Amino acid sequence: MAFTVLGNDHYPSAGYAGIDAMIGVGDIHIAGEGAGPDDGFTGYNPTSANGTRPQWGDYGAAASDGNSIWIASEYVNQTCTFNTWLTTNFRCGNTRTQLANWGTRISQVVP
C-alpha cells in the first residue's frame, strides 16, 4: 500500500506498508523522505477562511510485476527560498512547477 507520510517528524514523504492476509498492514516505510514543507499553493479552496486541504496525496498506488512491487506516492521532493523561486522563473531550477512544490515518486520494492 502506498501513501504520503507527514507529521511532526516528516515533511510530506513517499511511504508504503506491506499488507499480509494473516496479520494485516505492516510497518510504515519511507521510500522517499520529503525535502521541505508543502507550500500550500495547490490546496483545494486556497482562499478559504478555514484553510486549505492539500490537493496532493490522493493517488497512492501499488502494482506487482511478479517479482517486485512498484509504488507511486506523492511527496515534496524539493524546497527553495522565495528569492530562488522568483529568480528561476518560478521553477526553483526546474524542480517544481510554478504553483506546486510536490511530485510523484515511483519506487520499486522487492519483498
Protein backbone atom coordinates (compact mmCIF):
# COMPACT_ATOMS: atom_id res chain seq x y z
CA MET A 1 0.00 0.00 0.00
CA ALA A 2 1.45 3.39 -0.98
CA PHE A 3 0.64 6.72 0.66
CA THR A 4 2.03 10.09 1.73
CA VAL A 5 3.54 10.27 5.24
CA LEU A 6 3.68 13.59 7.07
CA GLY A 7 3.74 14.88 10.60
CA ASN A 8 5.98 16.48 13.21
CA ASP A 9 8.90 14.24 12.22
CA HIS A 10 8.42 14.15 8.42
CA TYR A 11 7.89 16.67 5.68
CA PRO A 12 5.42 15.15 3.15
CA SER A 13 7.22 11.91 2.24
CA ALA A 14 6.60 8.91 -0.03
CA GLY A 15 5.64 5.98 2.17
CA TYR A 16 4.45 2.41 1.95
CA ALA A 17 3.46 -0.57 4.08
CA GLY A 18 3.08 -4.23 3.26
CA ILE A 19 -0.26 -5.99 3.61
CA ASP A 20 -0.46 -9.60 4.76
CA ALA A 21 -3.64 -11.72 4.71
CA MET A 22 -2.93 -13.03 8.22
CA ILE A 23 -1.58 -10.01 10.13
CA GLY A 24 -2.93 -7.11 8.10
CA VAL A 25 -0.96 -3.90 7.48
CA GLY A 26 2.72 -3.95 8.46
CA ASP A 27 5.19 -1.27 9.48
CA ILE A 28 5.39 2.08 7.70
CA HIS A 29 8.48 2.55 5.49
CA ILE A 30 9.76 5.70 3.80
CA ALA A 31 10.56 5.32 0.09
CA GLY A 32 11.49 9.00 -0.33
CA GLU A 33 11.94 11.45 2.52
CA GLY A 34 10.28 14.83 1.96
CA ALA A 35 12.70 17.72 1.48
CA GLY A 36 10.53 20.57 2.71
CA PRO A 37 7.05 21.69 3.73
CA ASP A 38 4.02 21.86 1.49
CA ASP A 39 3.83 25.44 0.23
CA GLY A 40 0.02 25.46 0.12
CA PHE A 41 -0.34 26.77 -3.43
CA THR A 42 -2.18 23.70 -4.71
CA GLY A 43 -4.70 23.29 -1.92
CA TYR A 44 -8.40 22.92 -2.53
CA ASN A 45 -10.17 26.23 -1.91
CA PRO A 46 -6.91 28.19 -1.48
CA THR A 47 -8.68 31.38 -0.47
CA SER A 48 -10.86 29.76 2.18
CA ALA A 49 -11.04 31.48 5.55
CA ASN A 50 -10.99 27.99 7.08
CA GLY A 51 -7.68 26.96 5.49
CA THR A 52 -6.95 24.63 2.62
CA ARG A 53 -6.68 20.90 2.07
CA PRO A 54 -3.68 19.72 0.04
CA GLN A 55 -4.51 18.53 -3.45
CA TRP A 56 -1.65 16.01 -3.48
CA GLY A 57 -1.54 12.71 -1.61
CA ASP A 58 -4.80 11.41 -3.08
CA TYR A 59 -3.39 8.92 -5.54
CA GLY A 60 -1.01 6.41 -3.92
CA ALA A 61 -0.87 3.17 -5.88
CA ALA A 62 0.85 -0.19 -5.90
CA ALA A 63 1.21 -2.88 -8.58
CA SER A 64 3.16 -6.13 -8.78
CA ASP A 65 5.17 -7.36 -11.74
CA GLY A 66 5.54 -10.84 -10.22
CA ASN A 67 8.99 -10.24 -8.70
CA SER A 68 8.64 -6.84 -7.09
CA ILE A 69 6.06 -4.21 -6.22
CA TRP A 70 6.02 -0.80 -7.85
CA ILE A 71 4.54 2.02 -5.81
CA ALA A 72 3.59 5.62 -6.56
CA SER A 73 3.45 8.12 -3.71
CA GLU A 74 3.19 11.89 -3.75
CA TYR A 75 5.74 13.86 -1.74
CA VAL A 76 7.56 17.20 -1.52
CA ASN A 77 10.81 16.43 -3.31
CA GLN A 78 12.42 19.87 -3.14
CA THR A 79 12.46 23.15 -1.33
CA CYS A 80 13.85 26.54 -2.20
CA THR A 81 13.75 30.09 -0.93
CA PHE A 82 11.27 32.67 -2.15
CA ASN A 83 14.12 34.59 -3.82
CA THR A 84 15.26 31.46 -5.68
CA TRP A 85 11.68 30.84 -6.78
CA LEU A 86 11.46 34.40 -8.13
CA THR A 87 14.84 34.37 -9.90
CA THR A 88 14.40 30.97 -11.59
CA ASN A 89 11.17 31.76 -13.46
CA PHE A 90 9.10 30.36 -10.56
CA ARG A 91 10.57 26.87 -11.02
CA CYS A 92 13.40 26.56 -8.42
CA GLY A 93 15.84 25.26 -11.00
CA ASN A 94 13.14 23.11 -12.69
CA THR A 95 12.48 21.10 -9.53
CA ARG A 96 8.83 22.17 -9.30
CA THR A 97 6.01 23.69 -11.30
CA GLN A 98 5.12 27.33 -10.89
CA LEU A 99 2.42 26.68 -8.30
CA ALA A 100 3.15 23.21 -6.91
CA ASN A 101 6.14 22.01 -4.92
CA TRP A 102 5.17 18.33 -4.77
CA GLY A 103 5.76 15.47 -7.16
CA THR A 104 5.09 11.76 -7.59
CA ARG A 105 7.78 9.27 -6.66
CA ILE A 106 7.84 5.86 -8.35
CA SER A 107 9.68 3.24 -6.26
CA GLN A 108 10.44 -0.45 -6.64
CA VAL A 109 10.02 -2.60 -3.52
CA VAL A 110 11.45 -6.11 -3.56
CA PRO A 111 9.79 -8.25 -0.89
